Amino acid sequence: MTPAGQHAPELRAAARHLGRRRFLTGTGAAAALAFATNLPTAGVAGAAEMDAARVSDDPFTLGVASGDPQPHSVLLWTRLAPRPYEENGGLPAERVTVHWELARDPRFRRVVRRGTAPAHPEFNHSVHVEVDHVDADRTYYFRFRAGKWVSETGRTRTAPPASSRTGLTLAAVSCQAYHDGYFTAYRHLAEDDVDVVFHLGDYLYEYAVNSVGGARKYTDRVLPDVFNRETQTLDDYRRRYALYKTDPDLRAAHAAHPFVVTWDDHEVENNYADDIDENGNPPEEFLLRRASAYRAYWENLPLRRPQRPTGSDMRLYRRVGWGRLAQFDILDTRQYRSDQAYGDGAHVPGPESLDPKRTITGASQERWLIDGWRRSRAVWNVVPQQVTFSQRKLDLNPVAKVSMDAWDGYAASRARVLAGAEAAGVDNLMVLTGDVHVGYAFDIKDDFDDPSSDVVGTEIVATSIASGKDGAERPANWETYMKANPHLKFYNGRRGYVTVGLDRRQARADFKTVSAVTTPGAPIVTAASFVVEAGEPGLRPA
């Protein structure tokens, strides 16, 4: 199958018609995507309305979710899909009116808001409801109804008011390859006492999933052949989200906690950089695939209106506040980055990777981040993002190899960000990271090559939910990494998640792991805990 999948001839024709210069804009990509898939380019759905009473099977197979909490607003999500693995979720191309309720109690005796929202076929019958004018710093419960069907109950919360320094506990998760194992860690997270979950990327993987679910080795079900190929088209990405969201553990975590999400590479394709894919295809073809992936991402995740994509462009970087305690600056290090130096893998630093013009964030996002720090009044400035920020030497050679896909491959970008944090007077910088399928705890150094240089922040790297299969407590390169990187204080290769408790005095990180994901039901343990005192950067064991 070509990169544009089953619509390749139509997509190429659309690109030629639009012209390459116009095509390489969001408007051009949106028009080409609409040309191939009969989608409206302006996001104005015009389908006929379907009587919800005609929905004969439970349409809430993909669960419910909430996201991006604000002091007086919550974002609620669901998607109607009575037969989730079929085209359009088994519904006709007609819009459906969905009823929603928000209450202060799980039995809905004290309903504070209710209303209706259209589930448009153009958006795969997804529903994004922004409920405003609710109380700050409060837990709420929500549900949806379509015809006679009522969804499961979700639990969400609002952020505290801008003046508050109320503490919070967050969870950080990443990398959930369905074919590598069960999402056991999500079941434990659903039962954990956290206020918000930050998903740091690789929500799904583009790779084929065979009939037994890969490492899951199903014996009680057979997955359709439609999943046994790489995602290429809009339908492919939509169905892949349906596969992931029918997982009961992932559904439980979404129902239990609000999520704040950002992507990495596999939501589109491995190690892509801006409009450059890993196979050397023309940018105009890859951007059509990216447009499909971005649209499916927005449809399937709890995101607000400003994040809705236009073609192959989607403004995912954004800011979430937690009173005066924490400012979260959520980054996108894929959409705007320079192509990786020396390929995508490990390489010693050189003129190409050290080029000061190179960027992992793009100039606009970099300015936005540093300007936000200048205005911040928060105790903790936290940066949820994708790839390892701290220097990570991969061997013990005098000049060690580093990852060209991580911030080590964009050294000038990292230096500018750290200089911006210093100039802005950021005292308590914390970076939250995913991607590498292991748990790390780093001291961020002013000069990573000088062990005596100042510690200027903390990086907490969340291991994967399932990617990499079971993993090991001490991977084979554990001793090498610990020796090569004296600022690395913790390294664990099991699956799981990390929680971070923040208050005015300190941050506490607890790395929680499961022993296996290739078999279901593993218990969870706390592998290690660290604290950082406010105003005194540097990790120490709890």
Protein backbone atom coordinates (compact mmCIF):
# COMPACT_ATOMS: atom_id res chain seq x y z
CA MET A 1 0.00 0.00 0.00
CA THR A 2 1.28 3.46 -0.85
CA PRO A 3 1.71 6.10 1.89
CA ALA A 4 -1.62 7.65 0.97
CA GLY A 5 -3.31 4.26 1.23
CA GLN A 6 -6.47 3.42 -0.64
CA HIS A 7 -7.03 7.06 -1.60
CA ALA A 8 -3.54 7.49 -3.09
CA PRO A 9 -4.59 8.28 -6.71
CA GLU A 10 -7.18 10.81 -5.59
CA LEU A 11 -4.80 12.40 -3.08
CA ARG A 12 -2.03 12.78 -5.65
CA ALA A 13 -4.51 14.26 -8.10
CA ALA A 14 -5.69 16.72 -5.47
CA ALA A 15 -2.13 17.71 -4.63
CA ARG A 16 -1.29 18.30 -8.28
CA HIS A 17 -4.46 20.36 -8.71
CA LEU A 18 -3.73 22.52 -5.70
CA GLY A 19 -0.09 23.01 -6.53
CA ARG A 20 2.78 22.18 -4.19
CA ARG A 21 3.18 25.65 -2.70
CA ARG A 22 -0.50 25.97 -1.81
CA PHE A 23 -0.68 22.32 -0.77
CA LEU A 24 2.04 22.71 1.85
CA THR A 25 -0.28 24.88 3.91
CA GLY A 26 -3.00 23.72 6.23
CA THR A 27 -5.67 24.96 3.81
CA GLY A 28 -4.24 22.93 0.94
CA ALA A 29 -3.95 19.77 2.99
CA ALA A 30 -7.47 20.22 4.33
CA ALA A 31 -8.84 20.62 0.82
CA ALA A 32 -7.00 17.55 -0.43
CA LEU A 33 -8.18 15.51 2.55
CA ALA A 34 -11.76 16.62 1.93
CA PHE A 35 -11.37 15.76 -1.78
CA ALA A 36 -10.48 12.16 -0.93
CA THR A 37 -12.84 11.54 1.99
CA ASN A 38 -15.90 13.74 1.37
CA LEU A 39 -15.22 15.75 4.53
CA PRO A 40 -16.24 19.40 4.87
CA THR A 41 -13.18 21.66 4.82
CA ALA A 42 -14.70 24.28 7.11
CA GLY A 43 -15.82 21.91 9.85
CA VAL A 44 -19.48 22.75 9.16
CA ALA A 45 -21.35 19.46 9.21
CA GLY A 46 -24.42 19.28 7.01
CA ALA A 47 -25.59 15.68 7.38
CA ALA A 48 -29.22 14.78 7.96
CA GLU A 49 -30.27 14.03 11.53
CA MET A 50 -30.87 10.49 12.71
CA ASP A 51 -33.46 9.73 15.38
CA ALA A 52 -31.40 8.43 18.32
CA ALA A 53 -34.16 5.89 18.98
CA ARG A 54 -32.93 4.06 15.86
CA VAL A 55 -29.58 3.25 17.53
CA SER A 56 -30.23 -0.43 18.20
CA ASP A 57 -26.95 -1.34 19.94
CA ASP A 58 -25.02 0.34 22.76
CA PRO A 59 -23.18 3.25 21.09
CA PHE A 60 -20.90 3.96 24.07
CA THR A 61 -18.44 1.14 23.43
CA LEU A 62 -15.46 3.52 23.52
CA GLY A 63 -16.24 4.93 26.93
CA VAL A 64 -16.15 8.51 28.16
CA ALA A 65 -13.35 10.94 28.96
CA SER A 66 -12.62 14.47 30.14
CA GLY A 67 -9.66 16.76 29.73
CA ASP A 68 -7.84 20.08 30.09
CA PRO A 69 -9.45 21.17 33.37
CA GLN A 70 -9.90 24.91 33.92
CA PRO A 71 -11.14 26.68 37.08
CA HIS A 72 -14.68 27.16 35.76
CA SER A 73 -14.86 24.79 32.80
CA VAL A 74 -14.67 21.09 32.04
CA LEU A 75 -14.31 19.33 28.67
CA LEU A 76 -16.34 16.13 28.26
CA TRP A 77 -15.84 13.57 25.48
CA THR A 78 -17.44 10.48 24.01
CA ARG A 79 -17.80 8.90 20.57
CA LEU A 80 -20.75 6.88 19.32
CA ALA A 81 -19.69 3.52 17.89
CA PRO A 82 -22.15 0.64 18.35
CA ARG A 83 -19.94 -1.55 16.15
CA PRO A 84 -16.57 0.10 16.75
CA TYR A 85 -14.45 -1.89 14.28
CA GLU A 86 -16.75 -1.17 11.35
CA GLU A 87 -16.61 1.87 9.11
CA ASN A 88 -18.06 4.93 10.86
CA GLY A 89 -18.48 2.84 14.02
CA GLY A 90 -21.47 1.05 12.55
CA LEU A 91 -23.62 4.18 12.25
CA PRO A 92 -25.03 5.76 9.08
CA ALA A 93 -23.62 9.07 7.86
CA GLU A 94 -26.18 11.06 9.85
CA ARG A 95 -25.79 13.27 12.89
CA VAL A 96 -27.15 12.11 16.23
CA THR A 97 -28.25 14.31 19.14
CA VAL A 98 -26.55 13.28 22.37
CA HIS A 99 -27.73 14.36 25.81
CA TRP A 100 -25.22 15.03 28.59
CA GLU A 101 -25.38 15.69 32.33
CA LEU A 102 -22.87 17.03 34.86
CA ALA A 103 -23.54 16.42 38.55
CA ARG A 104 -21.91 16.80 41.96
CA ASP A 105 -22.61 13.18 42.90
CA PRO A 106 -22.20 9.85 41.04
CA ARG A 107 -25.93 9.05 41.35
CA PHE A 108 -26.88 12.33 39.60
CA ARG A 109 -29.17 13.57 42.34
CA ARG A 110 -27.55 17.02 42.19
CA VAL A 111 -27.27 17.80 38.48
CA VAL A 112 -25.65 21.21 37.92
CA ARG A 113 -25.65 21.33 34.10
CA ARG A 114 -27.32 19.39 31.32
CA GLY A 115 -27.67 19.88 27.60
CA THR A 116 -27.40 18.35 24.15
CA ALA A 117 -24.61 18.13 21.60
CA PRO A 118 -24.56 16.90 17.98
CA ALA A 119 -22.46 13.86 17.10
CA HIS A 120 -21.51 14.60 13.49
CA PRO A 121 -20.55 11.84 11.07
CA GLU A 122 -17.92 14.18 9.63
CA PHE A 123 -16.16 13.92 13.00
CA ASN A 124 -16.80 10.17 13.29
CA HIS A 125 -19.69 10.81 15.71
CA SER A 126 -17.34 12.17 18.37
CA VAL A 127 -18.68 14.62 20.93
CA HIS A 128 -16.67 17.37 22.62
CA VAL A 129 -18.69 19.35 25.18
CA GLU A 130 -17.17 22.38 26.91
CA VAL A 131 -19.21 23.01 30.06
CA ASP A 132 -18.56 26.49 31.43
CA HIS A 133 -19.66 28.42 34.54
CA VAL A 134 -19.05 25.63 37.02
CA ASP A 135 -17.35 25.86 40.41
CA ALA A 136 -13.57 25.86 40.70
CA ASP A 137 -11.64 23.13 42.52
CA ARG A 138 -14.51 20.66 42.58
CA THR A 139 -15.09 17.03 41.58
CA TYR A 140 -17.91 16.38 39.11
CA TYR A 141 -19.53 13.33 37.54
CA PHE A 142 -20.85 13.13 33.99
CA ARG A 143 -22.64 10.84 31.57
CA PHE A 144 -24.15 10.82 28.08
CA ARG A 145 -27.39 9.46 26.62
CA ALA A 146 -28.35 8.60 23.05
CA GLY A 147 -31.84 7.21 22.62
CA LYS A 148 -32.37 4.51 25.26
CA TRP A 149 -28.63 4.07 25.83
CA VAL A 150 -26.77 5.65 28.76
CA SER A 151 -22.98 5.75 28.98
CA GLU A 152 -20.90 4.75 31.93
CA THR A 153 -20.31 7.50 34.49
CA GLY A 154 -17.16 9.56 34.27
CA ARG A 155 -15.45 11.49 37.04
CA THR A 156 -13.70 14.79 36.39
CA ARG A 157 -12.70 17.94 38.24
CA THR A 158 -12.04 21.62 37.75
CA ALA A 159 -8.76 23.38 38.48
CA PRO A 160 -8.51 25.61 41.55
CA PRO A 161 -8.93 29.40 41.23
CA ALA A 162 -6.00 31.48 40.04
CA SER A 163 -5.10 32.64 43.57
CA SER A 164 -5.01 29.14 45.09
CA ARG A 165 -1.91 27.20 46.13
CA THR A 166 -3.82 23.99 46.72
CA GLY A 167 -1.64 20.93 46.24
CA LEU A 168 -2.20 18.34 43.54
CA THR A 169 -1.08 14.89 42.50
CA LEU A 170 -0.60 14.21 38.81
CA ALA A 171 0.15 11.01 36.94
CA ALA A 172 2.35 10.86 33.84
CA VAL A 173 1.89 8.09 31.28
CA SER A 174 3.14 7.31 27.79
CA CYS A 175 3.63 4.71 25.06
CA GLN A 176 0.81 2.19 24.98
CA ALA A 177 1.52 -0.25 22.14
CA TYR A 178 -1.55 -2.50 22.08
CA HIS A 179 0.34 -5.32 20.37
CA ASP A 180 3.03 -5.36 23.11
CA GLY A 181 0.79 -6.19 26.03
CA TYR A 182 -2.10 -5.45 28.35
CA PHE A 183 -2.82 -1.99 29.76
CA THR A 184 -2.68 -3.31 33.32
CA ALA A 185 -1.10 -0.13 34.65
CA TYR A 186 -4.21 1.81 33.62
CA ARG A 187 -6.38 -0.37 35.83
CA HIS A 188 -4.20 0.53 38.78
CA LEU A 189 -4.16 4.19 37.75
CA ALA A 190 -7.96 4.23 37.61
CA GLU A 191 -7.96 3.31 41.30
CA ASP A 192 -5.15 5.72 42.25
CA ASP A 193 -5.85 9.04 43.95
CA VAL A 194 -4.70 11.57 41.37
CA ASP A 195 -6.14 14.87 40.21
CA VAL A 196 -5.09 14.81 36.55
CA VAL A 197 -3.25 12.53 34.11
CA PHE A 198 -0.72 13.82 31.59
CA HIS A 199 -0.35 11.61 28.54
CA LEU A 200 3.05 12.34 27.00
CA GLY A 201 2.66 10.68 23.63
CA ASP A 202 2.35 7.47 21.63
CA TYR A 203 -1.31 7.00 22.54
CA LEU A 204 -1.47 4.54 19.69
CA TYR A 205 0.96 2.87 17.31
CA GLU A 206 0.70 2.72 13.56
CA TYR A 207 2.08 -0.82 13.31
CA ALA A 208 -0.01 -3.85 12.36
CA VAL A 209 -1.87 -5.76 15.07
CA ASN A 210 -2.50 -9.41 14.22
CA SER A 211 -5.60 -11.46 14.90
CA VAL A 212 -4.53 -12.49 18.44
CA GLY A 213 -3.51 -8.99 19.54
CA GLY A 214 0.24 -9.54 19.25
CA ALA A 215 1.80 -10.23 22.65
CA ARG A 216 -1.65 -10.39 24.22
CA LYS A 217 -2.15 -13.80 22.52
CA TYR A 218 -5.92 -13.77 22.68
CA THR A 219 -7.57 -17.17 22.84
CA ASP A 220 -11.13 -15.94 23.38
CA ARG A 221 -11.41 -13.55 20.44
CA VAL A 222 -10.10 -12.85 16.96
CA LEU A 223 -9.34 -9.32 15.82
CA PRO A 224 -10.45 -8.34 12.31
CA ASP A 225 -7.88 -8.35 9.51
CA VAL A 226 -8.41 -4.61 9.13
CA PHE A 227 -5.91 -4.08 11.98
CA ASN A 228 -3.22 -6.31 10.48
CA ARG A 229 -1.65 -3.50 8.46
CA GLU A 230 0.00 -0.16 9.12
CA THR A 231 -2.31 2.81 9.53
CA GLN A 232 -2.32 5.03 6.45
CA THR A 233 -5.79 6.45 5.84
CA LEU A 234 -8.29 8.35 7.94
CA ASP A 235 -10.38 5.19 8.30
CA ASP A 236 -7.28 3.28 9.44
CA TYR A 237 -6.50 5.77 12.20
CA ARG A 238 -10.12 5.97 13.33
CA ARG A 239 -10.41 2.20 13.62
CA ARG A 240 -7.09 1.94 15.44
CA TYR A 241 -8.35 4.38 18.08
CA ALA A 242 -11.46 2.23 18.36
CA LEU A 243 -9.29 -0.83 19.00
CA TYR A 244 -7.36 0.93 21.76
CA LYS A 245 -10.41 2.51 23.35
CA THR A 246 -12.27 -0.78 23.64
CA ASP A 247 -9.56 -1.84 26.10
CA PRO A 248 -11.34 -1.93 29.49
CA ASP A 249 -8.33 -0.70 31.49
CA LEU A 250 -7.81 2.35 29.29
CA ARG A 251 -11.53 3.09 29.47
CA ALA A 252 -11.42 2.85 33.26
CA ALA A 253 -8.56 5.35 33.53
CA HIS A 254 -10.31 7.84 31.25
CA ALA A 255 -13.54 7.53 33.21
CA ALA A 256 -11.74 8.06 36.52
CA HIS A 257 -9.54 11.09 35.79
CA PRO A 258 -9.27 14.09 33.44
CA PHE A 259 -6.45 13.73 30.90
CA VAL A 260 -4.18 16.39 29.41
CA VAL A 261 -2.73 14.92 26.22
CA THR A 262 0.05 15.58 23.77
CA TRP A 263 1.40 13.39 20.99
CA ASP A 264 4.76 12.03 19.96
CA ASP A 265 5.50 10.26 16.68
CA HIS A 266 3.51 7.01 16.55
CA GLU A 267 0.16 8.78 16.45
CA VAL A 268 1.25 9.43 12.84
CA GLU A 269 4.43 7.52 11.97
CA ASN A 270 7.68 6.55 13.68
CA ASN A 271 10.22 9.37 14.05
CA TYR A 272 8.60 11.81 11.64
CA ALA A 273 9.84 15.39 11.73
CA ASP A 274 7.50 18.14 10.52
CA ASP A 275 6.65 17.20 6.91
CA ILE A 276 9.38 14.55 6.61
CA ASP A 277 8.47 10.90 7.10
CA GLU A 278 10.87 8.04 7.77
CA ASN A 279 10.59 6.55 4.27
CA GLY A 280 11.53 9.54 2.14
CA ASN A 281 8.11 10.06 0.58
CA PRO A 282 7.23 13.45 -0.96
CA PRO A 283 6.11 15.94 1.72
CA GLU A 284 2.79 16.53 -0.04
CA GLU A 285 1.93 12.84 0.33
CA PHE A 286 3.07 12.59 3.92
CA LEU A 287 1.15 15.72 4.93
CA LEU A 288 -2.04 14.07 3.75
CA ARG A 289 -1.33 11.12 5.99
CA ARG A 290 -0.51 13.56 8.80
CA ALA A 291 -3.79 15.39 8.21
CA SER A 292 -5.69 12.12 8.56
CA ALA A 293 -3.81 11.21 11.74
CA TYR A 294 -4.28 14.64 13.30
CA ARG A 295 -7.99 14.64 12.56
CA ALA A 296 -8.45 11.19 14.10
CA TYR A 297 -6.40 12.28 17.13
CA TRP A 298 -8.69 15.24 17.81
CA GLU A 299 -11.82 13.16 17.24
CA ASN A 300 -10.78 10.54 19.77
CA LEU A 301 -9.25 12.54 22.60
CA PRO A 302 -10.66 15.06 25.12
CA LEU A 303 -9.45 18.27 23.50
CA ARG A 304 -10.99 21.72 23.32
CA ARG A 305 -12.03 23.72 20.24
CA PRO A 306 -8.71 25.58 19.79
CA GLN A 307 -7.02 22.22 19.22
CA ARG A 308 -9.26 21.16 16.34
CA PRO A 309 -6.98 20.68 13.30
CA THR A 310 -7.07 22.37 9.95
CA GLY A 311 -5.70 19.89 7.47
CA SER A 312 -2.21 18.88 8.50
CA ASP A 313 -1.88 21.68 11.09
CA MET A 314 -2.97 21.39 14.71
CA ARG A 315 -2.08 23.79 17.54
CA LEU A 316 -1.47 21.25 20.31
CA TYR A 317 0.94 23.23 22.50
CA ARG A 318 -1.01 25.06 25.15
CA ARG A 319 -0.97 26.11 28.80
CA VAL A 320 -2.94 24.70 31.76
CA GLY A 321 -2.81 26.46 35.12
CA TRP A 322 -3.28 25.03 38.60
CA GLY A 323 -3.80 28.18 40.64
CA ARG A 324 -0.58 29.73 41.95
CA LEU A 325 0.93 26.29 42.52
CA ALA A 326 1.77 25.08 39.01
CA GLN A 327 1.88 26.22 35.43
CA PHE A 328 1.87 23.42 32.84
CA ASP A 329 3.31 24.30 29.44
CA ILE A 330 2.42 21.37 27.18
CA LEU A 331 4.79 21.08 24.22
CA ASP A 332 4.66 19.58 20.74
CA THR A 333 8.16 18.49 19.68
CA ARG A 334 7.10 16.74 16.43
CA GLN A 335 5.12 19.10 14.25
CA TYR A 336 7.70 21.90 13.97
CA ARG A 337 11.09 20.21 14.46
CA SER A 338 14.05 20.24 12.08
CA ASP A 339 14.79 16.86 10.53
CA GLN A 340 16.92 14.65 12.76
CA ALA A 341 20.66 15.04 12.27
CA TYR A 342 22.61 12.06 10.99
CA GLY A 343 19.44 10.02 10.69
CA ASP A 344 17.06 9.07 13.48
CA GLY A 345 19.31 6.94 15.68
CA ALA A 346 22.41 7.19 17.88
CA HIS A 347 25.36 9.34 16.76
CA VAL A 348 28.14 11.37 18.29
CA PRO A 349 27.42 15.12 18.37
CA GLY A 350 28.71 16.92 15.31
CA PRO A 351 28.32 20.09 13.24
CA GLU A 352 24.92 19.02 11.98
CA SER A 353 23.37 18.27 15.39
CA LEU A 354 25.08 21.30 16.97
CA ASP A 355 23.90 23.74 14.29
CA PRO A 356 22.42 26.72 16.20
CA LYS A 357 19.67 27.11 13.59
CA ARG A 358 18.20 23.70 14.42
CA THR A 359 15.02 23.51 16.49
CA ILE A 360 12.91 20.82 18.10
CA THR A 361 10.02 23.15 18.97
CA GLY A 362 9.96 25.70 16.17
CA ALA A 363 10.66 29.37 16.80
CA SER A 364 7.07 30.37 17.64
CA GLN A 365 6.57 27.66 20.24
CA GLU A 366 9.97 28.41 21.79
CA ARG A 367 9.03 32.10 22.19
CA TRP A 368 5.63 31.12 23.59
CA LEU A 369 7.28 28.90 26.21
CA ILE A 370 9.80 31.48 27.39
CA ASP A 371 7.27 34.33 27.34
CA GLY A 372 4.97 32.19 29.48
CA TRP A 373 7.75 31.69 32.02
CA ARG A 374 8.31 35.44 32.21
CA ARG A 375 4.66 35.94 33.15
CA SER A 376 4.38 32.91 35.43
CA ARG A 377 3.61 33.41 39.12
CA ALA A 378 3.50 29.69 39.86
CA VAL A 379 5.66 27.90 42.41
CA TRP A 380 6.32 25.04 39.95
CA ASN A 381 6.78 25.45 36.20
CA VAL A 382 6.17 22.05 34.65
CA VAL A 383 6.77 21.15 31.00
CA PRO A 384 4.96 18.00 29.83
CA GLN A 385 6.57 16.95 26.55
CA GLN A 386 7.73 13.96 24.54
CA VAL A 387 11.43 13.06 24.24
CA THR A 388 14.34 12.97 26.71
CA PHE A 389 15.36 16.54 27.58
CA SER A 390 18.51 15.91 29.64
CA GLN A 391 21.78 14.79 28.16
CA ARG A 392 21.81 11.00 27.90
CA LYS A 393 25.12 9.47 26.85
CA LEU A 394 24.64 6.01 25.44
CA ASP A 395 28.16 4.64 25.97
CA LEU A 396 31.37 5.24 27.92
CA ASN A 397 33.52 6.43 25.02
CA PRO A 398 35.36 9.78 25.39
CA VAL A 399 32.87 11.23 22.91
CA ALA A 400 29.69 9.28 23.49
CA LYS A 401 26.82 8.69 21.13
CA VAL A 402 23.49 10.31 21.97
CA SER A 403 20.00 10.05 20.51
CA MET A 404 19.46 12.27 17.50
CA ASP A 405 15.69 12.02 17.99
CA ALA A 406 15.81 13.50 21.53
CA TRP A 407 16.86 16.97 22.73
CA ASP A 408 20.49 15.78 22.52
CA GLY A 409 20.09 16.00 18.75
CA TYR A 410 18.92 19.60 19.12
CA ALA A 411 21.51 20.93 21.57
CA ALA A 412 21.06 24.58 20.58
CA SER A 413 17.31 24.33 21.11
CA ARG A 414 17.86 22.98 24.63
CA ALA A 415 20.43 25.68 25.41
CA ARG A 416 18.01 28.42 24.35
CA VAL A 417 15.22 26.98 26.48
CA LEU A 418 17.43 26.69 29.56
CA ALA A 419 18.76 30.22 29.03
CA GLY A 420 15.16 31.41 28.74
CA ALA A 421 14.24 29.72 32.00
CA GLU A 422 17.18 31.35 33.75
CA ALA A 423 16.37 34.78 32.33
CA ALA A 424 12.75 34.40 33.41
CA GLY A 425 13.79 33.52 36.95
CA VAL A 426 12.23 30.05 36.95
CA ASP A 427 13.20 28.53 40.30
CA ASN A 428 11.36 25.23 40.16
CA LEU A 429 11.56 23.82 36.65
CA MET A 430 10.28 20.30 36.06
CA VAL A 431 10.15 18.46 32.73
CA LEU A 432 7.82 15.48 32.26
CA THR A 433 8.86 13.10 29.49
CA GLY A 434 7.77 9.86 27.80
CA ASP A 435 9.00 8.04 24.66
CA VAL A 436 11.80 5.76 25.87
CA HIS A 437 9.82 2.96 27.59
CA VAL A 438 11.78 3.26 30.84
CA GLY A 439 11.59 5.34 33.99
CA TYR A 440 14.33 7.93 34.55
CA ALA A 441 14.93 10.65 37.12
CA PHE A 442 17.43 13.31 36.03
CA ASP A 443 18.92 16.40 37.58
CA ILE A 444 18.90 19.00 34.81
CA LYS A 445 22.33 20.62 34.78
CA ASP A 446 23.41 24.05 33.68
CA ASP A 447 26.31 22.25 31.90
CA PHE A 448 25.81 18.52 31.53
CA ASP A 449 29.48 17.98 30.76
CA ASP A 450 30.54 19.53 34.06
CA PRO A 451 29.40 17.42 37.05
CA SER A 452 30.06 20.35 39.38
CA SER A 453 27.76 22.74 37.50
CA ASP A 454 24.51 23.93 39.04
CA VAL A 455 21.35 21.85 39.04
CA VAL A 456 18.67 23.98 37.38
CA GLY A 457 15.71 21.63 37.25
CA THR A 458 14.32 18.11 37.37
CA GLU A 459 13.29 15.73 34.63
CA ILE A 460 10.91 12.87 35.39
CA VAL A 461 10.59 10.30 32.61
CA ALA A 462 7.53 8.05 32.69
CA THR A 463 7.98 4.49 31.50
CA SER A 464 5.59 2.95 29.00
CA ILE A 465 2.17 1.49 29.70
CA ALA A 466 2.90 -1.51 27.44
CA SER A 467 5.48 -0.65 24.75
CA GLY A 468 8.54 -2.87 24.95
CA LYS A 469 6.57 -5.76 26.48
CA ASP A 470 7.50 -6.79 30.03
CA GLY A 471 10.86 -5.03 30.27
CA ALA A 472 13.34 -5.55 33.10
CA GLU A 473 14.03 -3.79 36.38
CA ARG A 474 17.66 -3.32 35.29
CA PRO A 475 18.03 -3.36 31.51
CA ALA A 476 21.30 -4.63 30.01
CA ASN A 477 22.64 -1.07 29.59
CA TRP A 478 21.77 0.00 33.15
CA GLU A 479 25.34 0.13 34.48
CA THR A 480 26.63 1.91 31.37
CA TYR A 481 23.96 4.61 31.53
CA MET A 482 24.40 5.20 35.25
CA LYS A 483 28.17 5.60 34.86
CA ALA A 484 27.99 7.73 31.72
CA ASN A 485 25.39 10.11 33.16
CA PRO A 486 26.10 11.13 36.78
CA HIS A 487 23.04 13.40 36.73
CA LEU A 488 20.85 10.29 36.16
CA LYS A 489 19.57 9.32 39.60
CA PHE A 490 17.17 6.49 38.71
CA TYR A 491 16.70 4.04 35.84
CA ASN A 492 14.10 1.26 35.72
CA GLY A 493 12.88 -0.70 32.69
CA ARG A 494 9.54 -2.07 33.88
CA ARG A 495 6.14 -0.85 32.65
CA GLY A 496 3.85 1.43 34.64
CA TYR A 497 3.46 5.13 35.35
CA VAL A 498 4.76 7.85 37.66
CA THR A 499 2.86 10.07 40.06
CA VAL A 500 4.12 13.50 41.11
CA GLY A 501 2.73 15.25 44.16
CA LEU A 502 3.23 19.02 44.21
CA ASP A 503 2.75 21.46 47.07
CA ARG A 504 4.34 24.75 48.09
CA ARG A 505 7.27 23.04 49.79
CA GLN A 506 8.27 20.11 47.62
CA ALA A 507 7.61 17.76 44.72
CA ARG A 508 7.50 14.01 45.29
CA ALA A 509 7.80 11.51 42.41
CA ASP A 510 6.74 7.88 42.88
CA PHE A 511 7.69 5.45 40.11
CA LYS A 512 5.05 2.70 39.97
CA THR A 513 5.68 -0.48 37.99
CA VAL A 514 4.08 -3.81 37.13
CA SER A 515 6.02 -7.04 36.73
CA ALA A 516 4.45 -8.06 33.41
CA VAL A 517 2.15 -6.85 30.65
CA THR A 518 2.21 -9.92 28.38
CA THR A 519 -0.11 -11.54 30.91
CA PRO A 520 -2.98 -9.60 32.52
CA GLY A 521 -3.52 -8.70 36.13
CA ALA A 522 0.00 -8.02 37.46
CA PRO A 523 0.15 -6.17 40.80
CA ILE A 524 1.71 -2.72 41.05
CA VAL A 525 4.59 -1.68 43.30
CA THR A 526 6.42 1.58 43.97
CA ALA A 527 9.90 1.00 42.57
CA ALA A 528 11.40 4.24 43.91
CA SER A 529 10.46 7.65 45.29
CA PHE A 530 12.27 10.99 45.11
CA VAL A 531 11.65 14.48 46.41
CA VAL A 532 12.76 17.93 45.28
CA GLU A 533 12.51 20.84 47.69
CA ALA A 534 11.04 24.06 46.32
CA GLY A 535 13.85 26.55 45.70
CA GLU A 536 16.53 23.85 46.11
CA PRO A 537 16.77 21.92 42.82
CA GLY A 538 18.19 18.43 43.02
CA LEU A 539 16.64 15.00 43.46
CA ARG A 540 17.05 13.04 46.67
CA PRO A 541 15.55 9.67 47.62
CA ALA A 542 12.36 9.95 49.64
